[in-house]
């Protein structure tokens, strides 16, 4: 409760015009300065960036993405799945997450998000050095609860928040697909209703954006979604037929707009255990809060 109150106070302070002007100026200066240092991308990855920039999301699959270690993490996820299936579900639960200890049994899940190609993509899209916040292994429960991340919202951590979502089972429209509203229409909605943060019911969104413009990301196991959840209205649709299993990999810049919302999926003790496996660049992405340690 105290943390939520603190975040609310800090969030309101950041809305003050004087602070907004100062932080925006610093942000654009940093973008301009770092532009010359952005890593080179392949033609395919440049197209990916172009699509996310224009629409807010890009859908592909493990074969097209062609990162060799993807097959390894899918195999590891398959081994961990039974533990999530057997997890106790309370009546109000909508999501069960793998614990830190469970992720550390399969550290390759966390390390996949630090693949050099993914970091190159993230850095080019964010325009700044990358902060990697880790991996979340989720089981979204098939029930009728319409709450929290199942409501429409925009993530608050940064101006751009890149998430890479990997489906671990086949997802149709009845199995809780990731849904989003394109960048232009999300901007239209935010301007129309003066929306800046918080969860929104379907009726509120539909008052401006018709259901026909709600994008559902359906696909087979191994589908990979790149989405800027800081720029588009999005949600996880309620799964009705089957539980949805996914991996979420989270990225922001290292000077996020709201640093107090940023957290790592693993505690510091676990991150230190993985440190020897990391390159200097990967260490900077993981330990961005304490770069000298």
C-alpha atoms as a PDB file:
ATOM      1  CA  UNK A   1       0.000   0.000   0.000  1.00  0.00           C
ATOM      2  CA  UNK A   2       2.780   2.440   0.907  1.00  0.00           C
ATOM      3  CA  UNK A   3       4.522   1.735  -2.399  1.00  0.00           C
ATOM      4  CA  UNK A   4       1.331   2.389  -4.356  1.00  0.00           C
ATOM      5  CA  UNK A   5       0.792   5.677  -2.518  1.00  0.00           C
ATOM      6  CA  UNK A   6       4.393   6.712  -3.176  1.00  0.00           C
ATOM      7  CA  UNK A   7       4.061   5.890  -6.885  1.00  0.00           C
ATOM      8  CA  UNK A   8       0.818   7.849  -7.098  1.00  0.00           C
ATOM      9  CA  UNK A   9       2.442  10.917  -5.519  1.00  0.00           C
ATOM     10  CA  UNK A  10       5.471  10.683  -7.809  1.00  0.00           C
ATOM     11  CA  UNK A  11       3.257  10.175 -10.854  1.00  0.00           C
ATOM     12  CA  UNK A  12       1.243  13.293 -10.026  1.00  0.00           C
ATOM     13  CA  UNK A  13       4.427  15.293  -9.467  1.00  0.00           C
ATOM     14  CA  UNK A  14       5.663  14.275 -12.918  1.00  0.00           C
ATOM     15  CA  UNK A  15       2.550  15.869 -14.417  1.00  0.00           C
ATOM     16  CA  UNK A  16       3.641  19.320 -13.244  1.00  0.00           C
ATOM     17  CA  UNK A  17       4.392  21.441 -16.350  1.00  0.00           C
ATOM     18  CA  UNK A  18       7.793  22.618 -15.085  1.00  0.00           C
ATOM     19  CA  UNK A  19       9.026  19.066 -14.451  1.00  0.00           C
ATOM     20  CA  UNK A  20       7.526  17.833 -17.715  1.00  0.00           C
ATOM     21  CA  UNK A  21       9.343  20.501 -19.709  1.00  0.00           C
ATOM     22  CA  UNK A  22      12.681  19.752 -18.057  1.00  0.00           C
ATOM     23  CA  UNK A  23      12.424  15.983 -18.490  1.00  0.00           C
ATOM     24  CA  UNK A  24      11.176  16.239 -22.085  1.00  0.00           C
ATOM     25  CA  UNK A  25      14.058  18.508 -23.042  1.00  0.00           C
ATOM     26  CA  UNK A  26      16.580  16.124 -21.482  1.00  0.00           C
ATOM     27  CA  UNK A  27      14.925  13.176 -23.235  1.00  0.00           C
ATOM     28  CA  UNK A  28      15.095  14.670 -26.734  1.00  0.00           C
ATOM     29  CA  UNK A  29      18.657  15.835 -26.191  1.00  0.00           C
ATOM     30  CA  UNK A  30      19.606  12.281 -25.186  1.00  0.00           C
ATOM     31  CA  UNK A  31      17.873  10.856 -28.273  1.00  0.00           C
ATOM     32  CA  UNK A  32      19.769  13.218 -30.556  1.00  0.00           C
ATOM     33  CA  UNK A  33      23.096  12.472 -28.886  1.00  0.00           C
ATOM     34  CA  UNK A  34      22.660   8.680 -29.028  1.00  0.00           C
ATOM     35  CA  UNK A  35      21.355   8.535 -32.614  1.00  0.00           C
ATOM     36  CA  UNK A  36      24.888   8.245 -34.040  1.00  0.00           C
ATOM     37  CA  UNK A  37      25.673   5.282 -31.788  1.00  0.00           C
ATOM     38  CA  UNK A  38      22.673   3.078 -32.602  1.00  0.00           C
ATOM     39  CA  UNK A  39      23.639  -0.457 -33.713  1.00  0.00           C
ATOM     40  CA  UNK A  40      23.231  -1.437 -37.355  1.00  0.00           C
ATOM     41  CA  UNK A  41      20.203  -3.578 -38.238  1.00  0.00           C
ATOM     42  CA  UNK A  42      19.435  -6.032 -41.003  1.00  0.00           C
ATOM     43  CA  UNK A  43      16.796  -5.118 -43.572  1.00  0.00           C
ATOM     44  CA  UNK A  44      14.297  -7.448 -41.868  1.00  0.00           C
ATOM     45  CA  UNK A  45      14.859  -5.919 -38.438  1.00  0.00           C
ATOM     46  CA  UNK A  46      14.643  -2.407 -39.874  1.00  0.00           C
ATOM     47  CA  UNK A  47      11.227  -3.362 -41.267  1.00  0.00           C
ATOM     48  CA  UNK A  48      10.247  -4.678 -37.826  1.00  0.00           C
ATOM     49  CA  UNK A  49      11.196  -1.319 -36.266  1.00  0.00           C
ATOM     50  CA  UNK A  50       9.258   0.523 -38.968  1.00  0.00           C
ATOM     51  CA  UNK A  51       6.125  -1.527 -38.252  1.00  0.00           C
ATOM     52  CA  UNK A  52       6.270  -1.011 -34.477  1.00  0.00           C
ATOM     53  CA  UNK A  53       6.895   2.710 -34.973  1.00  0.00           C
ATOM     54  CA  UNK A  54       3.886   3.060 -37.268  1.00  0.00           C
ATOM     55  CA  UNK A  55       1.396   0.602 -35.759  1.00  0.00           C
ATOM     56  CA  UNK A  56       2.652  -0.191 -32.262  1.00  0.00           C
ATOM     57  CA  UNK A  57       3.158  -3.934 -32.757  1.00  0.00           C
ATOM     58  CA  UNK A  58       4.701  -6.532 -35.038  1.00  0.00           C
ATOM     59  CA  UNK A  59       3.845 -10.248 -35.161  1.00  0.00           C
ATOM     60  CA  UNK A  60       6.228 -12.970 -36.301  1.00  0.00           C
ATOM     61  CA  UNK A  61       7.170 -16.503 -35.214  1.00  0.00           C
ATOM     62  CA  UNK A  62      10.188 -18.415 -33.987  1.00  0.00           C
ATOM     63  CA  UNK A  63      11.131 -19.615 -37.481  1.00  0.00           C
ATOM     64  CA  UNK A  64      11.067 -16.164 -39.053  1.00  0.00           C
ATOM     65  CA  UNK A  65      12.777 -14.557 -36.079  1.00  0.00           C
ATOM     66  CA  UNK A  66      15.662 -17.020 -36.545  1.00  0.00           C
ATOM     67  CA  UNK A  67      17.339 -16.658 -33.158  1.00  0.00           C
ATOM     68  CA  UNK A  68      18.986 -20.069 -32.595  1.00  0.00           C
ATOM     69  CA  UNK A  69      18.381 -20.158 -28.830  1.00  0.00           C
ATOM     70  CA  UNK A  70      14.599 -19.726 -29.248  1.00  0.00           C
ATOM     71  CA  UNK A  71      14.101 -23.472 -29.634  1.00  0.00           C
ATOM     72  CA  UNK A  72      16.017 -23.973 -26.370  1.00  0.00           C
ATOM     73  CA  UNK A  73      13.797 -21.632 -24.380  1.00  0.00           C
ATOM     74  CA  UNK A  74      10.662 -23.234 -25.808  1.00  0.00           C
ATOM     75  CA  UNK A  75      11.945 -26.610 -24.626  1.00  0.00           C
ATOM     76  CA  UNK A  76      12.790 -25.188 -21.197  1.00  0.00           C
ATOM     77  CA  UNK A  77       9.381 -23.550 -20.943  1.00  0.00           C
ATOM     78  CA  UNK A  78       7.757 -26.878 -21.782  1.00  0.00           C
ATOM     79  CA  UNK A  79       9.597 -28.465 -18.827  1.00  0.00           C
ATOM     80  CA  UNK A  80       8.470 -25.690 -16.486  1.00  0.00           C
ATOM     81  CA  UNK A  81       4.850 -25.661 -17.678  1.00  0.00           C
ATOM     82  CA  UNK A  82       3.677 -28.511 -15.415  1.00  0.00           C
ATOM     83  CA  UNK A  83       4.656 -26.526 -12.314  1.00  0.00           C
ATOM     84  CA  UNK A  84       2.455 -23.631 -13.405  1.00  0.00           C
ATOM     85  CA  UNK A  85      -0.392 -25.981 -14.292  1.00  0.00           C
ATOM     86  CA  UNK A  86      -0.195 -27.484 -10.802  1.00  0.00           C
ATOM     87  CA  UNK A  87      -0.023 -24.111  -9.029  1.00  0.00           C
ATOM     88  CA  UNK A  88      -2.834 -23.321  -6.650  1.00  0.00           C
ATOM     89  CA  UNK A  89      -5.402 -20.955  -8.125  1.00  0.00           C
ATOM     90  CA  UNK A  90      -7.480 -18.784  -5.802  1.00  0.00           C
ATOM     91  CA  UNK A  91     -10.933 -17.650  -6.860  1.00  0.00           C
ATOM     92  CA  UNK A  92      -9.806 -14.083  -7.659  1.00  0.00           C
ATOM     93  CA  UNK A  93      -6.633 -15.038  -9.537  1.00  0.00           C
ATOM     94  CA  UNK A  94      -6.315 -14.077 -13.165  1.00  0.00           C
ATOM     95  CA  UNK A  95      -2.576 -14.745 -13.565  1.00  0.00           C
ATOM     96  CA  UNK A  96      -0.016 -17.093 -12.054  1.00  0.00           C
ATOM     97  CA  UNK A  97       3.685 -16.253 -12.526  1.00  0.00           C
ATOM     98  CA  UNK A  98       6.638 -18.602 -12.322  1.00  0.00           C
ATOM     99  CA  UNK A  99       8.636 -17.820  -9.202  1.00  0.00           C
ATOM    100  CA  UNK A 100      12.178 -16.471  -9.243  1.00  0.00           C
ATOM    101  CA  UNK A 101      13.414 -19.869  -8.040  1.00  0.00           C
ATOM    102  CA  UNK A 102      11.632 -21.599 -10.911  1.00  0.00           C
ATOM    103  CA  UNK A 103      13.137 -19.192 -13.460  1.00  0.00           C
ATOM    104  CA  UNK A 104      16.587 -19.755 -11.959  1.00  0.00           C
ATOM    105  CA  UNK A 105      16.138 -23.492 -12.591  1.00  0.00           C
ATOM    106  CA  UNK A 106      16.006 -22.517 -16.275  1.00  0.00           C
ATOM    107  CA  UNK A 107      18.171 -19.350 -16.499  1.00  0.00           C
ATOM    108  CA  UNK A 108      18.209 -19.568 -20.301  1.00  0.00           C
ATOM    109  CA  UNK A 109      14.692 -18.094 -20.178  1.00  0.00           C
ATOM    110  CA  UNK A 110      16.016 -14.883 -18.623  1.00  0.00           C
ATOM    111  CA  UNK A 111      19.147 -14.868 -20.781  1.00  0.00           C
ATOM    112  CA  UNK A 112      17.209 -15.124 -24.065  1.00  0.00           C
ATOM    113  CA  UNK A 113      16.033 -11.554 -23.577  1.00  0.00           C
ATOM    114  CA  UNK A 114      19.695 -10.482 -23.667  1.00  0.00           C
ATOM    115  CA  UNK A 115      20.395 -11.928 -27.111  1.00  0.00           C
ATOM    116  CA  UNK A 116      22.456  -9.328 -28.983  1.00  0.00           C
ATOM    117  CA  UNK A 117      19.941  -9.132 -31.818  1.00  0.00           C
ATOM    118  CA  UNK A 118      17.076  -8.440 -29.438  1.00  0.00           C
ATOM    119  CA  UNK A 119      19.112  -5.750 -27.702  1.00  0.00           C
ATOM    120  CA  UNK A 120      19.917  -4.199 -31.096  1.00  0.00           C
ATOM    121  CA  UNK A 121      16.226  -4.132 -31.971  1.00  0.00           C
ATOM    122  CA  UNK A 122      15.274  -2.699 -28.579  1.00  0.00           C
ATOM    123  CA  UNK A 123      17.995  -0.023 -28.690  1.00  0.00           C
ATOM    124  CA  UNK A 124      17.000   1.099 -32.174  1.00  0.00           C
ATOM    125  CA  UNK A 125      13.338   1.297 -31.256  1.00  0.00           C
ATOM    126  CA  UNK A 126      13.865   3.028 -27.909  1.00  0.00           C
ATOM    127  CA  UNK A 127      16.540   5.293 -29.374  1.00  0.00           C
ATOM    128  CA  UNK A 128      18.591   5.049 -26.177  1.00  0.00           C
ATOM    129  CA  UNK A 129      20.707   2.493 -24.287  1.00  0.00           C
ATOM    130  CA  UNK A 130      18.539  -0.396 -23.126  1.00  0.00           C
ATOM    131  CA  UNK A 131      17.427  -1.341 -19.632  1.00  0.00           C
ATOM    132  CA  UNK A 132      16.395  -5.008 -19.561  1.00  0.00           C
ATOM    133  CA  UNK A 133      13.841  -5.806 -16.869  1.00  0.00           C
ATOM    134  CA  UNK A 134      13.771  -9.551 -17.354  1.00  0.00           C
ATOM    135  CA  UNK A 135      11.321 -12.302 -18.179  1.00  0.00           C
ATOM    136  CA  UNK A 136       7.877 -13.142 -16.818  1.00  0.00           C
ATOM    137  CA  UNK A 137       6.510 -16.647 -17.349  1.00  0.00           C
ATOM    138  CA  UNK A 138       2.723 -16.242 -17.133  1.00  0.00           C
ATOM    139  CA  UNK A 139      -0.263 -18.514 -16.900  1.00  0.00           C
ATOM    140  CA  UNK A 140      -3.424 -16.508 -17.575  1.00  0.00           C
ATOM    141  CA  UNK A 141      -6.394 -18.347 -16.078  1.00  0.00           C
ATOM    142  CA  UNK A 142      -9.443 -19.155 -18.195  1.00  0.00           C
ATOM    143  CA  UNK A 143     -12.273 -17.572 -16.203  1.00  0.00           C
ATOM    144  CA  UNK A 144     -14.737 -14.706 -16.377  1.00  0.00           C
ATOM    145  CA  UNK A 145     -12.825 -12.182 -14.260  1.00  0.00           C
ATOM    146  CA  UNK A 146     -12.546  -8.852 -16.088  1.00  0.00           C
ATOM    147  CA  UNK A 147      -9.934  -7.003 -14.062  1.00  0.00           C
ATOM    148  CA  UNK A 148      -6.416  -5.501 -14.023  1.00  0.00           C
ATOM    149  CA  UNK A 149      -4.354  -6.405 -17.118  1.00  0.00           C
ATOM    150  CA  UNK A 150      -7.524  -7.665 -18.822  1.00  0.00           C
ATOM    151  CA  UNK A 151      -8.729  -4.082 -18.946  1.00  0.00           C
ATOM    152  CA  UNK A 152      -7.412  -1.618 -21.517  1.00  0.00           C
ATOM    153  CA  UNK A 153      -4.412   0.414 -20.388  1.00  0.00           C
ATOM    154  CA  UNK A 154      -1.075   1.953 -21.377  1.00  0.00           C
ATOM    155  CA  UNK A 155       2.093   1.026 -19.476  1.00  0.00           C
ATOM    156  CA  UNK A 156       3.575   3.859 -17.471  1.00  0.00           C
ATOM    157  CA  UNK A 157       7.276   3.088 -17.110  1.00  0.00           C
ATOM    158  CA  UNK A 158       8.599   5.036 -20.074  1.00  0.00           C
ATOM    159  CA  UNK A 159       7.673   6.956 -23.215  1.00  0.00           C
ATOM    160  CA  UNK A 160       8.332   3.771 -25.145  1.00  0.00           C
ATOM    161  CA  UNK A 161       8.089   0.364 -23.482  1.00  0.00           C
ATOM    162  CA  UNK A 162       9.073  -2.585 -25.651  1.00  0.00           C
ATOM    163  CA  UNK A 163       7.703  -5.996 -24.761  1.00  0.00           C
ATOM    164  CA  UNK A 164       8.483  -9.211 -26.577  1.00  0.00           C
ATOM    165  CA  UNK A 165       5.756 -11.789 -26.022  1.00  0.00           C
ATOM    166  CA  UNK A 166       6.205 -15.470 -26.875  1.00  0.00           C
ATOM    167  CA  UNK A 167       3.160 -17.733 -27.010  1.00  0.00           C
ATOM    168  CA  UNK A 168       3.730 -21.135 -25.426  1.00  0.00           C
ATOM    169  CA  UNK A 169       0.462 -22.645 -26.637  1.00  0.00           C
ATOM    170  CA  UNK A 170      -1.782 -22.091 -29.634  1.00  0.00           C
ATOM    171  CA  UNK A 171      -3.850 -18.944 -29.098  1.00  0.00           C
ATOM    172  CA  UNK A 172      -7.088 -18.234 -30.925  1.00  0.00           C
ATOM    173  CA  UNK A 173      -9.559 -15.456 -30.166  1.00  0.00           C
ATOM    174  CA  UNK A 174     -11.084 -17.488 -27.308  1.00  0.00           C
ATOM    175  CA  UNK A 175      -7.765 -18.243 -25.597  1.00  0.00           C
ATOM    176  CA  UNK A 176      -6.843 -14.769 -24.392  1.00  0.00           C
ATOM    177  CA  UNK A 177      -4.819 -13.196 -27.210  1.00  0.00           C
ATOM    178  CA  UNK A 178      -2.824 -10.029 -26.649  1.00  0.00           C
ATOM    179  CA  UNK A 179      -4.973  -7.202 -28.006  1.00  0.00           C
ATOM    180  CA  UNK A 180      -3.960  -3.666 -28.919  1.00  0.00           C
ATOM    181  CA  UNK A 181      -5.233  -0.555 -30.640  1.00  0.00           C
ATOM    182  CA  UNK A 182      -2.917   0.943 -33.254  1.00  0.00           C
ATOM    183  CA  UNK A 183      -0.727   3.908 -32.345  1.00  0.00           C
ATOM    184  CA  UNK A 184      -2.724   6.485 -34.339  1.00  0.00           C
ATOM    185  CA  UNK A 185      -6.034   5.333 -32.865  1.00  0.00           C
ATOM    186  CA  UNK A 186      -4.585   5.083 -29.356  1.00  0.00           C
ATOM    187  CA  UNK A 187      -3.401   8.681 -29.693  1.00  0.00           C
ATOM    188  CA  UNK A 188      -6.858   9.685 -30.915  1.00  0.00           C
ATOM    189  CA  UNK A 189      -8.454   8.018 -27.895  1.00  0.00           C
ATOM    190  CA  UNK A 190      -6.064   9.612 -25.405  1.00  0.00           C
ATOM    191  CA  UNK A 191      -6.634  13.062 -26.913  1.00  0.00           C
ATOM    192  CA  UNK A 192     -10.409  12.630 -27.049  1.00  0.00           C
ATOM    193  CA  UNK A 193     -10.839  11.531 -23.431  1.00  0.00           C
ATOM    194  CA  UNK A 194      -7.725  13.195 -21.969  1.00  0.00           C
ATOM    195  CA  UNK A 195      -6.544   9.757 -20.878  1.00  0.00           C
ATOM    196  CA  UNK A 196      -3.071   9.386 -19.379  1.00  0.00           C
ATOM    197  CA  UNK A 197      -3.148   6.315 -17.131  1.00  0.00           C
ATOM    198  CA  UNK A 198      -5.385   3.754 -15.453  1.00  0.00           C
ATOM    199  CA  UNK A 199      -7.516   0.787 -16.458  1.00  0.00           C
ATOM    200  CA  UNK A 200     -10.413   1.236 -18.876  1.00  0.00           C
ATOM    201  CA  UNK A 201     -13.539  -0.833 -19.463  1.00  0.00           C
ATOM    202  CA  UNK A 202     -14.551  -1.976 -22.937  1.00  0.00           C
ATOM    203  CA  UNK A 203     -17.461   0.452 -23.014  1.00  0.00           C
ATOM    204  CA  UNK A 204     -15.160   3.442 -22.496  1.00  0.00           C
ATOM    205  CA  UNK A 205     -12.806   2.401 -25.280  1.00  0.00           C
ATOM    206  CA  UNK A 206     -15.670   1.524 -27.603  1.00  0.00           C
ATOM    207  CA  UNK A 207     -17.112   5.014 -27.167  1.00  0.00           C
ATOM    208  CA  UNK A 208     -14.209   6.272 -29.301  1.00  0.00           C
ATOM    209  CA  UNK A 209     -12.660   3.224 -31.008  1.00  0.00           C
ATOM    210  CA  UNK A 210     -15.031   0.641 -32.580  1.00  0.00           C
ATOM    211  CA  UNK A 211     -14.450  -3.057 -31.872  1.00  0.00           C
ATOM    212  CA  UNK A 212     -13.558  -3.553 -35.530  1.00  0.00           C
ATOM    213  CA  UNK A 213     -10.340  -1.606 -34.850  1.00  0.00           C
ATOM    214  CA  UNK A 214      -9.287  -3.741 -31.878  1.00  0.00           C
ATOM    215  CA  UNK A 215      -6.361  -5.885 -33.030  1.00  0.00           C
ATOM    216  CA  UNK A 216      -6.132  -9.478 -31.719  1.00  0.00           C
ATOM    217  CA  UNK A 217      -2.736 -11.189 -31.964  1.00  0.00           C
ATOM    218  CA  UNK A 218      -3.650 -14.826 -32.558  1.00  0.00           C
ATOM    219  CA  UNK A 219      -1.140 -17.498 -33.504  1.00  0.00           C
ATOM    220  CA  UNK A 220       0.388 -20.891 -32.964  1.00  0.00           C
ATOM    221  CA  UNK A 221       2.816 -21.873 -30.230  1.00  0.00           C
ATOM    222  CA  UNK A 222       6.058 -20.024 -30.988  1.00  0.00           C
ATOM    223  CA  UNK A 223       4.333 -16.850 -32.138  1.00  0.00           C
ATOM    224  CA  UNK A 224       6.426 -13.800 -31.174  1.00  0.00           C
ATOM    225  CA  UNK A 225       4.926 -10.339 -30.700  1.00  0.00           C
ATOM    226  CA  UNK A 226       6.890  -7.092 -30.414  1.00  0.00           C
ATOM    227  CA  UNK A 227       4.708  -4.365 -28.895  1.00  0.00           C
ATOM    228  CA  UNK A 228       5.205  -0.853 -27.591  1.00  0.00           C
ATOM    229  CA  UNK A 229       2.921  -1.101 -24.581  1.00  0.00           C
ATOM    230  CA  UNK A 230       3.873   2.427 -23.533  1.00  0.00           C
ATOM    231  CA  UNK A 231       2.333   3.911 -26.687  1.00  0.00           C
ATOM    232  CA  UNK A 232      -0.703   1.760 -27.442  1.00  0.00           C
ATOM    233  CA  UNK A 233      -3.810   0.825 -25.538  1.00  0.00           C
ATOM    234  CA  UNK A 234      -3.593  -2.907 -24.938  1.00  0.00           C
ATOM    235  CA  UNK A 235      -4.832  -5.768 -22.791  1.00  0.00           C
ATOM    236  CA  UNK A 236      -4.853  -9.522 -22.488  1.00  0.00           C
ATOM    237  CA  UNK A 237      -8.287 -10.627 -23.650  1.00  0.00           C
ATOM    238  CA  UNK A 238     -10.036 -12.947 -21.183  1.00  0.00           C
ATOM    239  CA  UNK A 239      -9.163 -16.560 -22.017  1.00  0.00           C
ATOM    240  CA  UNK A 240     -12.357 -18.629 -22.133  1.00  0.00           C
ATOM    241  CA  UNK A 241     -11.442 -21.973 -23.674  1.00  0.00           C
ATOM    242  CA  UNK A 242      -7.958 -22.656 -22.286  1.00  0.00           C
ATOM    243  CA  UNK A 243      -5.374 -21.034 -20.028  1.00  0.00           C
ATOM    244  CA  UNK A 244      -2.866 -18.889 -21.910  1.00  0.00           C
ATOM    245  CA  UNK A 245       0.853 -19.516 -21.358  1.00  0.00           C
ATOM    246  CA  UNK A 246       3.348 -16.831 -22.375  1.00  0.00           C
ATOM    247  CA  UNK A 247       6.800 -15.414 -21.828  1.00  0.00           C
ATOM    248  CA  UNK A 248       7.051 -11.620 -21.515  1.00  0.00           C
ATOM    249  CA  UNK A 249      10.423  -9.871 -21.957  1.00  0.00           C
ATOM    250  CA  UNK A 250      10.466  -6.200 -20.888  1.00  0.00           C
ATOM    251  CA  UNK A 251      12.655  -3.288 -22.049  1.00  0.00           C
ATOM    252  CA  UNK A 252      12.807   0.471 -21.461  1.00  0.00           C
ATOM    253  CA  UNK A 253      15.506   3.079 -21.825  1.00  0.00           C
ATOM    254  CA  UNK A 254      17.942   3.597 -18.948  1.00  0.00           C
ATOM    255  CA  UNK A 255      16.429   6.986 -18.245  1.00  0.00           C
ATOM    256  CA  UNK A 256      12.764   5.965 -18.053  1.00  0.00           C
ATOM    257  CA  UNK A 257      10.127   8.614 -17.617  1.00  0.00           C
ATOM    258  CA  UNK A 258       8.873   6.957 -14.436  1.00  0.00           C
ATOM    259  CA  UNK A 259      11.792   5.061 -12.957  1.00  0.00           C
ATOM    260  CA  UNK A 260       9.818   4.240  -9.830  1.00  0.00           C
ATOM    261  CA  UNK A 261       7.630   1.846 -11.870  1.00  0.00           C
ATOM    262  CA  UNK A 262      10.614  -0.117 -13.207  1.00  0.00           C
ATOM    263  CA  UNK A 263      11.595  -3.328 -11.518  1.00  0.00           C
ATOM    264  CA  UNK A 264      13.507  -6.476 -12.385  1.00  0.00           C
ATOM    265  CA  UNK A 265      11.801  -9.841 -12.691  1.00  0.00           C
ATOM    266  CA  UNK A 266      14.601 -11.350 -10.572  1.00  0.00           C
ATOM    267  CA  UNK A 267      16.011 -10.197  -7.211  1.00  0.00           C
ATOM    268  CA  UNK A 268      19.530  -8.808  -7.123  1.00  0.00           C
ATOM    269  CA  UNK A 269      20.986 -11.976  -5.559  1.00  0.00           C
ATOM    270  CA  UNK A 270      19.816 -14.018  -8.555  1.00  0.00           C
ATOM    271  CA  UNK A 271      21.047 -11.425 -11.032  1.00  0.00           C
ATOM    272  CA  UNK A 272      24.495 -11.601  -9.446  1.00  0.00           C
ATOM    273  CA  UNK A 273      24.493 -15.391  -9.890  1.00  0.00           C
ATOM    274  CA  UNK A 274      24.005 -14.884 -13.631  1.00  0.00           C
ATOM    275  CA  UNK A 275      26.538 -12.068 -13.941  1.00  0.00           C
ATOM    276  CA  UNK A 276      29.482 -14.260 -15.028  1.00  0.00           C
ATOM    277  CA  UNK A 277      27.508 -15.401 -18.062  1.00  0.00           C
ATOM    278  CA  UNK A 278      26.963 -11.855 -19.289  1.00  0.00           C
ATOM    279  CA  UNK A 279      28.955  -9.746 -21.734  1.00  0.00           C
ATOM    280  CA  UNK A 280      29.839  -6.158 -20.755  1.00  0.00           C
ATOM    281  CA  UNK A 281      26.910  -4.848 -22.800  1.00  0.00           C
ATOM    282  CA  UNK A 282      24.491  -7.325 -21.223  1.00  0.00           C
ATOM    283  CA  UNK A 283      25.687  -6.360 -17.749  1.00  0.00           C
ATOM    284  CA  UNK A 284      24.971  -2.718 -18.525  1.00  0.00           C
ATOM    285  CA  UNK A 285      21.431  -3.642 -19.585  1.00  0.00           C
ATOM    286  CA  UNK A 286      20.777  -5.675 -16.432  1.00  0.00           C
ATOM    287  CA  UNK A 287      22.591  -3.563 -13.817  1.00  0.00           C
ATOM    288  CA  UNK A 288      21.625  -0.202 -15.316  1.00  0.00           C
ATOM    289  CA  UNK A 289      20.597   1.194 -11.933  1.00  0.00           C
ATOM    290  CA  UNK A 290      24.046   0.551 -10.468  1.00  0.00           C
ATOM    291  CA  UNK A 291      26.435   0.724 -13.436  1.00  0.00           C
ATOM    292  CA  UNK A 292      29.609   0.828 -11.302  1.00  0.00           C
ATOM    293  CA  UNK A 293      28.810  -2.342  -9.342  1.00  0.00           C
END
